Amino acid sequence: MYKILNLLIIALFSVAYANSPIVINPDQIPSSPIELDSNAVTLSLPSNPSTGYEWVIVDYSDSIQVNSIEYVAPNDQLIGQPGSDLISIQFNENWEKSYIDLKYSRSWEIDENPTVIRIYFQPKN
């Protein structure tokens, strides 16, 4: 049982990190869909949790399954330096054009009109 659990964990990490993360600049969201060769992708967004801000998933297509959201600190380890949030997602087997909506906010602040970014994906033909 222990070996099976280890194999499943290794398989999940393999899927999540199969490709290099796609770096997303929130100020320059692509207007056309990001074309993907596989059914999995990891997005990398700039993040600085020391300010209280974090990326929150607001909505996504039915064809998407969110595997994980993980903060990765910068290599220099200086306090207050921004790092990256890695968002690993998996698409259903026969997926078509899909989207994910994200916002960068503080959990304790109520924002009446939050800025939400939408990222589109489609399989490469």
C-alpha atoms as a PDB file:
ATOM      1  CA  MET A   1       0.000   0.000   0.000  1.00  0.00           C
ATOM      2  CA  TYR A   2       2.830   2.395   0.909  1.00  0.00           C
ATOM      3  CA  LYS A   3       4.538   1.765  -2.462  1.00  0.00           C
ATOM      4  CA  ILE A   4       1.307   2.462  -4.363  1.00  0.00           C
ATOM      5  CA  LEU A   5       0.817   5.734  -2.494  1.00  0.00           C
ATOM      6  CA  ASN A   6       4.402   6.787  -3.280  1.00  0.00           C
ATOM      7  CA  LEU A   7       3.902   5.965  -6.975  1.00  0.00           C
ATOM      8  CA  LEU A   8       0.715   8.036  -7.066  1.00  0.00           C
ATOM      9  CA  ILE A   9       2.461  11.014  -5.465  1.00  0.00           C
ATOM     10  CA  ILE A  10       5.344  10.751  -7.939  1.00  0.00           C
ATOM     11  CA  ALA A  11       2.869  10.539 -10.839  1.00  0.00           C
ATOM     12  CA  LEU A  12       1.027  13.647  -9.661  1.00  0.00           C
ATOM     13  CA  PHE A  13       4.246  15.658  -9.387  1.00  0.00           C
ATOM     14  CA  SER A  14       5.343  14.400 -12.808  1.00  0.00           C
ATOM     15  CA  VAL A  15       2.137  15.666 -14.373  1.00  0.00           C
ATOM     16  CA  ALA A  16       2.291  18.966 -12.516  1.00  0.00           C
ATOM     17  CA  TYR A  17       5.878  19.693 -13.514  1.00  0.00           C
ATOM     18  CA  ALA A  18       6.064  17.871 -16.860  1.00  0.00           C
ATOM     19  CA  ASN A  19       6.607  21.133 -18.706  1.00  0.00           C
ATOM     20  CA  SER A  20       8.319  24.321 -17.660  1.00  0.00           C
ATOM     21  CA  PRO A  21       5.847  26.741 -16.103  1.00  0.00           C
ATOM     22  CA  ILE A  22       4.306  29.351 -18.369  1.00  0.00           C
ATOM     23  CA  VAL A  23       5.189  32.732 -16.892  1.00  0.00           C
ATOM     24  CA  ILE A  24       2.186  35.071 -16.840  1.00  0.00           C
ATOM     25  CA  ASN A  25       2.637  38.830 -16.576  1.00  0.00           C
ATOM     26  CA  PRO A  26      -0.640  40.119 -15.043  1.00  0.00           C
ATOM     27  CA  ASP A  27      -0.154  43.467 -16.827  1.00  0.00           C
ATOM     28  CA  GLN A  28       0.099  41.804 -20.240  1.00  0.00           C
ATOM     29  CA  ILE A  29      -2.407  38.970 -20.424  1.00  0.00           C
ATOM     30  CA  PRO A  30      -2.374  37.322 -23.854  1.00  0.00           C
ATOM     31  CA  SER A  31      -5.501  38.158 -25.857  1.00  0.00           C
ATOM     32  CA  SER A  32      -5.377  34.902 -27.789  1.00  0.00           C
ATOM     33  CA  PRO A  33      -5.503  31.458 -26.149  1.00  0.00           C
ATOM     34  CA  ILE A  34      -2.279  29.823 -25.001  1.00  0.00           C
ATOM     35  CA  GLU A  35      -1.828  26.733 -27.179  1.00  0.00           C
ATOM     36  CA  LEU A  36      -0.809  23.594 -25.313  1.00  0.00           C
ATOM     37  CA  ASP A  37       0.704  20.300 -26.479  1.00  0.00           C
ATOM     38  CA  SER A  38      -0.490  18.398 -23.420  1.00  0.00           C
ATOM     39  CA  ASN A  39      -3.408  18.098 -21.018  1.00  0.00           C
ATOM     40  CA  ALA A  40      -1.506  19.732 -18.165  1.00  0.00           C
ATOM     41  CA  VAL A  41       0.096  23.109 -17.566  1.00  0.00           C
ATOM     42  CA  THR A  42       1.692  25.023 -14.715  1.00  0.00           C
ATOM     43  CA  LEU A  43       1.273  28.790 -14.609  1.00  0.00           C
ATOM     44  CA  SER A  44       3.807  30.993 -12.834  1.00  0.00           C
ATOM     45  CA  LEU A  45       2.558  34.349 -11.565  1.00  0.00           C
ATOM     46  CA  PRO A  46       4.532  36.936  -9.580  1.00  0.00           C
ATOM     47  CA  SER A  47       3.509  36.920  -5.936  1.00  0.00           C
ATOM     48  CA  ASN A  48       4.540  38.516  -2.663  1.00  0.00           C
ATOM     49  CA  PRO A  49       2.678  36.992   0.290  1.00  0.00           C
ATOM     50  CA  SER A  50       4.621  39.164   2.737  1.00  0.00           C
ATOM     51  CA  THR A  51       2.252  41.975   1.633  1.00  0.00           C
ATOM     52  CA  GLY A  52      -0.800  39.789   2.312  1.00  0.00           C
ATOM     53  CA  TYR A  53      -1.637  39.425  -1.366  1.00  0.00           C
ATOM     54  CA  GLU A  54      -2.252  36.054  -2.968  1.00  0.00           C
ATOM     55  CA  TRP A  55      -3.622  34.691  -6.230  1.00  0.00           C
ATOM     56  CA  VAL A  56      -7.155  33.369  -5.852  1.00  0.00           C
ATOM     57  CA  ILE A  57      -8.980  31.279  -8.425  1.00  0.00           C
ATOM     58  CA  VAL A  58     -12.337  32.924  -9.095  1.00  0.00           C
ATOM     59  CA  ASP A  59     -13.707  30.664 -11.838  1.00  0.00           C
ATOM     60  CA  TYR A  60     -12.618  28.130 -14.448  1.00  0.00           C
ATOM     61  CA  SER A  61     -13.981  25.963 -17.253  1.00  0.00           C
ATOM     62  CA  ASP A  62     -15.585  22.609 -16.497  1.00  0.00           C
ATOM     63  CA  SER A  63     -12.759  20.966 -18.440  1.00  0.00           C
ATOM     64  CA  ILE A  64     -10.158  22.128 -15.884  1.00  0.00           C
ATOM     65  CA  GLN A  65      -9.075  20.481 -12.651  1.00  0.00           C
ATOM     66  CA  VAL A  66      -6.804  22.516 -10.370  1.00  0.00           C
ATOM     67  CA  ASN A  67      -4.103  20.208  -9.000  1.00  0.00           C
ATOM     68  CA  SER A  68      -2.198  22.619  -6.770  1.00  0.00           C
ATOM     69  CA  ILE A  69      -1.305  26.183  -5.925  1.00  0.00           C
ATOM     70  CA  GLU A  70       2.145  26.595  -4.433  1.00  0.00           C
ATOM     71  CA  TYR A  71       4.248  29.620  -3.494  1.00  0.00           C
ATOM     72  CA  VAL A  72       7.922  29.430  -4.470  1.00  0.00           C
ATOM     73  CA  ALA A  73      10.220  31.864  -2.676  1.00  0.00           C
ATOM     74  CA  PRO A  74      13.024  33.625  -4.563  1.00  0.00           C
ATOM     75  CA  ASN A  75      16.497  32.068  -4.435  1.00  0.00           C
ATOM     76  CA  ASP A  76      18.055  34.974  -2.527  1.00  0.00           C
ATOM     77  CA  GLN A  77      15.761  34.427   0.510  1.00  0.00           C
ATOM     78  CA  LEU A  78      15.647  38.140   1.374  1.00  0.00           C
ATOM     79  CA  ILE A  79      12.639  39.033   3.499  1.00  0.00           C
ATOM     80  CA  GLY A  80       9.913  40.767   1.513  1.00  0.00           C
ATOM     81  CA  GLN A  81      11.224  39.746  -1.904  1.00  0.00           C
ATOM     82  CA  PRO A  82       8.554  38.603  -4.351  1.00  0.00           C
ATOM     83  CA  GLY A  83       8.492  35.027  -5.533  1.00  0.00           C
ATOM     84  CA  SER A  84       6.029  33.124  -7.700  1.00  0.00           C
ATOM     85  CA  ASP A  85       2.755  31.293  -7.285  1.00  0.00           C
ATOM     86  CA  LEU A  86       2.693  28.092  -9.320  1.00  0.00           C
ATOM     87  CA  ILE A  87      -0.796  26.993 -10.326  1.00  0.00           C
ATOM     88  CA  SER A  88      -0.878  23.479 -11.767  1.00  0.00           C
ATOM     89  CA  ILE A  89      -3.939  22.538 -13.774  1.00  0.00           C
ATOM     90  CA  GLN A  90      -5.058  19.464 -15.667  1.00  0.00           C
ATOM     91  CA  PHE A  91      -7.507  19.369 -18.561  1.00  0.00           C
ATOM     92  CA  ASN A  92     -10.071  16.648 -19.244  1.00  0.00           C
ATOM     93  CA  GLU A  93      -9.236  14.140 -21.961  1.00  0.00           C
ATOM     94  CA  ASN A  94     -11.253  15.751 -24.788  1.00  0.00           C
ATOM     95  CA  TRP A  95     -10.945  19.373 -23.770  1.00  0.00           C
ATOM     96  CA  GLU A  96     -11.367  22.318 -26.068  1.00  0.00           C
ATOM     97  CA  LYS A  97     -10.921  26.046 -25.502  1.00  0.00           C
ATOM     98  CA  SER A  98     -10.902  26.665 -21.735  1.00  0.00           C
ATOM     99  CA  TYR A  99     -10.241  29.499 -19.303  1.00  0.00           C
ATOM    100  CA  ILE A 100      -9.241  30.254 -15.734  1.00  0.00           C
ATOM    101  CA  ASP A 101     -10.086  33.506 -13.893  1.00  0.00           C
ATOM    102  CA  LEU A 102      -7.688  34.757 -11.211  1.00  0.00           C
ATOM    103  CA  LYS A 103      -7.505  37.756  -8.907  1.00  0.00           C
ATOM    104  CA  TYR A 104      -4.653  39.072  -6.773  1.00  0.00           C
ATOM    105  CA  SER A 105      -6.057  40.181  -3.448  1.00  0.00           C
ATOM    106  CA  ARG A 106      -5.838  40.198   0.323  1.00  0.00           C
ATOM    107  CA  SER A 107      -8.277  37.794   1.960  1.00  0.00           C
ATOM    108  CA  TRP A 108      -9.323  40.281   4.661  1.00  0.00           C
ATOM    109  CA  GLU A 109     -10.081  43.173   2.282  1.00  0.00           C
ATOM    110  CA  ILE A 110     -13.417  43.460   0.541  1.00  0.00           C
ATOM    111  CA  ASP A 111     -12.966  44.773  -2.975  1.00  0.00           C
ATOM    112  CA  GLU A 112     -16.199  45.886  -4.620  1.00  0.00           C
ATOM    113  CA  ASN A 113     -14.675  45.797  -8.120  1.00  0.00           C
ATOM    114  CA  PRO A 114     -11.737  43.384  -8.053  1.00  0.00           C
ATOM    115  CA  THR A 115      -9.459  43.139 -11.056  1.00  0.00           C
ATOM    116  CA  VAL A 116      -9.873  39.665 -12.476  1.00  0.00           C
ATOM    117  CA  ILE A 117      -7.627  38.311 -15.198  1.00  0.00           C
ATOM    118  CA  ARG A 118      -8.852  35.604 -17.587  1.00  0.00           C
ATOM    119  CA  ILE A 119      -6.387  33.290 -19.264  1.00  0.00           C
ATOM    120  CA  TYR A 120      -7.568  31.201 -22.212  1.00  0.00           C
ATOM    121  CA  PHE A 121      -6.095  27.868 -23.313  1.00  0.00           C
ATOM    122  CA  GLN A 122      -6.653  25.641 -26.312  1.00  0.00           C
ATOM    123  CA  PRO A 123      -5.080  22.406 -27.500  1.00  0.00           C
ATOM    124  CA  LYS A 124      -2.486  22.756 -30.226  1.00  0.00           C
ATOM    125  CA  ASN A 125      -3.735  21.170 -33.441  1.00  0.00           C
END
